Protein backbone atom coordinates (compact mmCIF):
# COMPACT_ATOMS: atom_id res chain seq x y z
CA UNK A 1 73.66 102.96 121.18
CA UNK A 2 76.61 104.15 123.29
CA UNK A 3 78.92 104.09 120.25
CA UNK A 4 76.66 106.55 118.45
CA UNK A 5 76.14 108.84 121.43
CA UNK A 6 79.80 109.94 121.48
CA UNK A 7 79.47 111.18 117.88
CA UNK A 8 76.86 113.79 118.77
CA UNK A 9 77.88 117.20 117.43
CA UNK A 10 80.38 115.75 114.95
CA UNK A 11 80.11 115.86 111.17
CA UNK A 12 81.27 113.56 108.41
CA UNK A 13 82.87 115.01 105.31
CA UNK A 14 81.69 113.17 102.22
CA UNK A 15 82.01 113.72 98.49
CA UNK A 16 79.94 111.19 96.60
CA UNK A 17 80.65 107.78 98.14
CA UNK A 18 84.01 108.86 99.59
CA UNK A 19 84.39 109.75 103.28
CA UNK A 20 87.20 112.16 104.15
CA UNK A 21 89.18 112.71 107.32
CA UNK A 22 91.35 115.49 108.67
CA UNK A 23 94.79 114.29 109.75
CA UNK A 24 97.42 116.19 111.67
CA UNK A 25 100.06 115.82 108.96
CA UNK A 26 97.89 117.88 106.59
CA UNK A 27 96.72 120.41 109.18
CA UNK A 28 99.73 121.98 110.94
CA UNK A 29 100.21 118.93 113.15
CA UNK A 30 96.73 118.98 114.67
CA UNK A 31 93.36 117.54 113.78
CA UNK A 32 91.44 116.91 116.99
CA UNK A 33 91.04 120.62 117.72
CA UNK A 34 89.53 121.54 114.33
CA UNK A 35 85.99 122.76 113.81
CA UNK A 36 84.40 122.69 110.37
CA UNK A 37 81.01 124.37 110.36
CA UNK A 38 78.08 122.62 108.67
CA UNK A 39 77.89 125.35 106.05
CA UNK A 40 81.64 125.57 105.34
CA UNK A 41 82.51 125.98 101.66
CA UNK A 42 84.79 123.09 100.79
CA UNK A 43 86.59 122.77 97.47
CA UNK A 44 87.65 119.50 95.82
CA UNK A 45 91.31 119.76 94.77
CA UNK A 46 93.07 117.06 92.73
CA UNK A 47 96.49 116.15 94.16
CA UNK A 48 98.15 113.91 91.56
CA UNK A 49 101.30 113.41 93.67
CA UNK A 50 99.53 112.51 96.93
CA UNK A 51 98.96 108.80 97.59
CA UNK A 52 99.22 107.99 93.89
CA UNK A 53 96.68 110.67 92.95
CA UNK A 54 93.68 111.61 95.08
CA UNK A 55 91.24 114.47 95.46
CA UNK A 56 91.33 116.30 98.78
CA UNK A 57 88.75 118.63 100.29
CA UNK A 58 89.94 121.98 101.54
CA UNK A 59 88.37 125.04 103.01
CA UNK A 60 88.40 127.13 106.12
CA UNK A 61 87.51 126.03 109.58
CA UNK A 62 88.59 127.01 113.06
CA UNK A 63 91.21 125.81 115.50
CA UNK A 64 90.41 125.70 119.20
CA UNK A 65 93.26 125.55 121.68
CA UNK A 66 91.57 126.55 124.92
CA UNK A 67 93.76 129.63 125.29
CA UNK A 68 91.60 132.11 123.43
CA UNK A 69 88.93 132.44 120.79
CA UNK A 70 88.65 130.15 117.81
CA UNK A 71 91.09 131.14 115.09
CA UNK A 72 90.48 130.67 111.36
CA UNK A 73 92.61 127.99 109.75
CA UNK A 74 92.77 126.23 106.39
CA UNK A 75 91.56 122.65 106.77
CA UNK A 76 92.51 119.81 104.44
CA UNK A 77 90.73 116.46 104.45
CA UNK A 78 91.97 113.35 102.63
CA UNK A 79 90.06 110.26 101.52
CA UNK A 80 89.60 107.88 104.42
């Protein structure tokens, strides 16, 4: 039960059976400070040159850095 408790307030990005993750390399060097709202409009984008050809999810979320208000940022998630 403790393992699930720390996930409260987090969301999973899924498209069909595929789970996606946000990684720093795709998001200006940061991923742990990103917020993607439940109702965010995400778009599936084919990337034929990435990892041998995958579909990524992209849309807008927010970055939080503790030094001011959330700022809008483009978020990219890759297949996990």
